[in-house]
Amino acid sequence: MDREQAITLVEYNAWANHKVLLKAARLPVEGLLEETAILSHHSVLGTLVHILDAQWYWREGAQTGMLPVKTLSITDFVDFSALRQKWDEEDRLLLEYVQSLSVDALNGAITYRWTQARPRTRLLWQILQHIVNHGTHHRAELGQYLAALGLSPRDMDFLKFLVGMKK
């Protein structure tokens, strides 16, 4: 993977997340917390926090070599605004990290450690691809759920993002 590809994927991920967050922000607190079997993390807020957690968790692991011991949870955020603030910060940190990488680093292996198991090694570009694919999966769940409530985030296709970049 080259730098431009990696940067574009990270920018797409942030753009698509933002579309979902804008629509989710229109829900009342009860709507954010309402449990549903449609979402794999039980509620809109739970699923949003899960997407953010995975991005933060894997960026930290890739950048520092240590996976966080703790994961983010709904209780880490006093309100939706706090979640948005953390998300904006995480998007900025991920983009800055990817922009700082050489092609060799992007295609090179990183070893990360965690308390639960022995160290593991992966290619960095694969971790970045995982962050984006993971987000896409859960954004699709959220998109379907929000659309049923009349709050569709609309088209989140990668090609739609690229068209918007040329404007």
Protein backbone atom coordinates (compact mmCIF):
# COMPACT_ATOMS: atom_id res chain seq x y z
CA MET A 1 0.00 0.00 0.00
CA ASP A 2 1.35 3.44 -0.78
CA ARG A 3 0.98 6.54 1.39
CA GLU A 4 -1.70 8.16 -0.77
CA GLN A 5 -3.83 5.02 -0.62
CA ALA A 6 -3.48 4.77 3.15
CA ILE A 7 -4.26 8.45 3.68
CA THR A 8 -7.29 8.24 1.38
CA LEU A 9 -8.65 5.20 3.26
CA VAL A 10 -8.26 6.96 6.60
CA GLU A 11 -9.93 10.10 5.25
CA TYR A 12 -12.78 7.99 3.84
CA ASN A 13 -13.23 6.26 7.18
CA ALA A 14 -13.53 9.62 8.97
CA TRP A 15 -15.95 10.95 6.33
CA ALA A 16 -18.24 7.93 6.54
CA ASN A 17 -18.18 7.92 10.35
CA HIS A 18 -19.05 11.62 10.33
CA LYS A 19 -22.13 10.96 8.16
CA VAL A 20 -23.43 8.42 10.66
CA LEU A 21 -22.59 10.59 13.65
CA LEU A 22 -24.50 13.55 12.18
CA LYS A 23 -27.67 11.48 11.90
CA ALA A 24 -27.23 9.73 15.25
CA ALA A 25 -26.86 13.14 16.92
CA ARG A 26 -30.49 13.84 16.02
CA LEU A 27 -31.70 11.02 18.26
CA PRO A 28 -32.77 11.78 21.81
CA VAL A 29 -30.72 10.14 24.56
CA GLU A 30 -33.35 7.41 24.86
CA GLY A 31 -33.01 6.66 21.15
CA LEU A 32 -29.23 6.42 21.40
CA LEU A 33 -29.51 3.95 24.27
CA GLU A 34 -32.51 1.92 23.08
CA GLU A 35 -31.60 -1.75 22.88
CA THR A 36 -32.22 -3.54 19.59
CA ALA A 37 -31.30 -6.94 18.19
CA ILE A 38 -30.51 -5.32 14.83
CA LEU A 39 -27.28 -3.79 16.12
CA SER A 40 -24.45 -6.09 17.17
CA HIS A 41 -23.55 -3.82 20.08
CA HIS A 42 -27.09 -3.47 21.39
CA SER A 43 -27.75 0.24 20.78
CA VAL A 44 -26.78 3.11 18.51
CA LEU A 45 -24.50 4.52 21.19
CA GLY A 46 -23.00 1.11 21.98
CA THR A 47 -22.23 0.49 18.31
CA LEU A 48 -20.74 3.96 17.82
CA VAL A 49 -18.51 3.52 20.85
CA HIS A 50 -17.45 0.10 19.54
CA ILE A 51 -16.39 1.58 16.17
CA LEU A 52 -14.41 4.33 17.90
CA ASP A 53 -12.89 1.86 20.35
CA ALA A 54 -11.59 -0.41 17.58
CA GLN A 55 -10.04 2.54 15.73
CA TRP A 56 -8.39 3.88 18.89
CA TYR A 57 -7.32 0.42 20.09
CA TRP A 58 -5.60 -0.58 16.84
CA ARG A 59 -4.02 2.84 16.25
CA GLU A 60 -2.55 2.74 19.75
CA GLY A 61 -1.29 -0.79 19.21
CA ALA A 62 0.26 0.04 15.85
CA GLN A 63 1.74 3.33 16.98
CA THR A 64 3.08 2.31 20.39
CA GLY A 65 3.47 -1.46 20.14
CA MET A 66 1.15 -1.93 23.15
CA LEU A 67 -2.54 -2.66 22.84
CA PRO A 68 -4.57 -0.83 25.49
CA VAL A 69 -5.56 -2.90 28.50
CA LYS A 70 -8.93 -1.16 28.70
CA THR A 71 -11.52 -0.72 26.00
CA LEU A 72 -13.78 2.29 25.57
CA SER A 73 -17.34 1.98 26.83
CA ILE A 74 -20.49 4.07 26.89
CA THR A 75 -19.69 5.14 30.46
CA ASP A 76 -16.50 6.88 29.25
CA PHE A 77 -18.64 9.62 27.69
CA VAL A 78 -20.80 12.01 29.69
CA ASP A 79 -22.84 12.85 26.60
CA PHE A 80 -22.91 12.61 22.81
CA SER A 81 -20.82 15.77 22.51
CA ALA A 82 -18.01 14.14 24.50
CA LEU A 83 -18.12 11.15 22.17
CA ARG A 84 -17.90 13.46 19.15
CA GLN A 85 -14.96 15.32 20.69
CA LYS A 86 -13.07 12.07 21.34
CA TRP A 87 -13.90 10.87 17.82
CA ASP A 88 -12.62 14.08 16.22
CA GLU A 89 -9.41 13.73 18.23
CA GLU A 90 -9.01 10.08 17.25
CA ASP A 91 -9.60 10.83 13.56
CA ARG A 92 -6.94 13.54 13.74
CA LEU A 93 -4.46 11.26 15.53
CA LEU A 94 -4.98 8.41 13.06
CA LEU A 95 -4.57 10.70 10.06
CA GLU A 96 -1.45 12.33 11.50
CA TYR A 97 0.00 8.90 12.25
CA VAL A 98 -0.61 7.61 8.73
CA GLN A 99 0.70 10.83 7.17
CA SER A 100 3.93 10.40 9.16
CA LEU A 101 4.62 6.92 7.80
CA SER A 102 6.96 6.00 4.97
CA VAL A 103 5.95 3.48 2.32
CA ASP A 104 8.34 1.01 3.93
CA ALA A 105 6.69 1.49 7.32
CA LEU A 106 3.20 1.09 5.86
CA ASN A 107 4.19 -2.18 4.26
CA GLY A 108 6.35 -3.34 7.12
CA ALA A 109 5.54 -5.57 10.04
CA ILE A 110 4.77 -4.28 13.50
CA THR A 111 4.79 -6.28 16.68
CA TYR A 112 2.28 -5.41 19.33
CA ARG A 113 1.96 -6.66 22.84
CA TRP A 114 -0.95 -7.20 25.15
CA THR A 115 -1.50 -8.59 28.57
CA GLN A 116 -3.72 -11.49 27.46
CA ALA A 117 -1.30 -13.31 25.12
CA ARG A 118 2.14 -13.41 23.61
CA PRO A 119 3.22 -10.64 21.22
CA ARG A 120 1.80 -10.75 17.69
CA THR A 121 3.13 -9.40 14.43
CA ARG A 122 1.07 -8.03 11.52
CA LEU A 123 1.72 -5.88 8.48
CA LEU A 124 0.76 -2.31 9.29
CA TRP A 125 -1.32 -1.81 6.15
CA GLN A 126 -3.43 -4.81 7.19
CA ILE A 127 -4.23 -3.19 10.53
CA LEU A 128 -5.24 0.03 8.76
CA GLN A 129 -7.42 -1.95 6.36
CA HIS A 130 -9.00 -3.71 9.34
CA ILE A 131 -9.88 -0.38 10.97
CA VAL A 132 -11.67 0.74 7.80
CA ASN A 133 -13.41 -2.59 7.10
CA HIS A 134 -14.51 -2.92 10.72
CA GLY A 135 -16.00 0.56 10.62
CA THR A 136 -17.74 -0.19 7.32
CA HIS A 137 -19.41 -3.27 8.78
CA HIS A 138 -20.82 -1.45 11.78
CA ARG A 139 -21.70 1.71 9.84
CA ALA A 140 -23.83 -0.49 7.56
CA GLU A 141 -25.71 -1.80 10.61
CA LEU A 142 -26.21 1.73 11.89
CA GLY A 143 -27.17 3.03 8.46
CA GLN A 144 -29.92 0.44 8.13
CA TYR A 145 -31.21 1.09 11.64
CA LEU A 146 -31.13 4.87 11.30
CA ALA A 147 -32.80 4.72 7.88
CA ALA A 148 -35.72 2.82 9.46
CA LEU A 149 -36.07 5.80 11.81
CA GLY A 150 -36.05 8.28 8.91
CA LEU A 151 -32.44 9.31 9.61
CA SER A 152 -30.53 7.63 6.78
CA PRO A 153 -26.90 8.77 6.52
CA ARG A 154 -27.38 8.24 2.77
CA ASP A 155 -24.70 6.94 0.46
CA MET A 156 -21.45 6.08 2.27
CA ASP A 157 -19.78 4.39 -0.71
CA PHE A 158 -16.05 4.85 -1.14
CA LEU A 159 -16.55 6.02 -4.75
CA LYS A 160 -19.06 8.64 -3.56
CA PHE A 161 -16.40 9.90 -1.16
CA LEU A 162 -13.86 10.13 -3.99
CA VAL A 163 -16.28 12.14 -6.16
CA GLY A 164 -16.78 14.57 -3.27
CA MET A 165 -13.00 14.97 -2.88
CA LYS A 166 -12.72 16.38 -6.43
CA LYS A 167 -15.10 19.27 -5.71
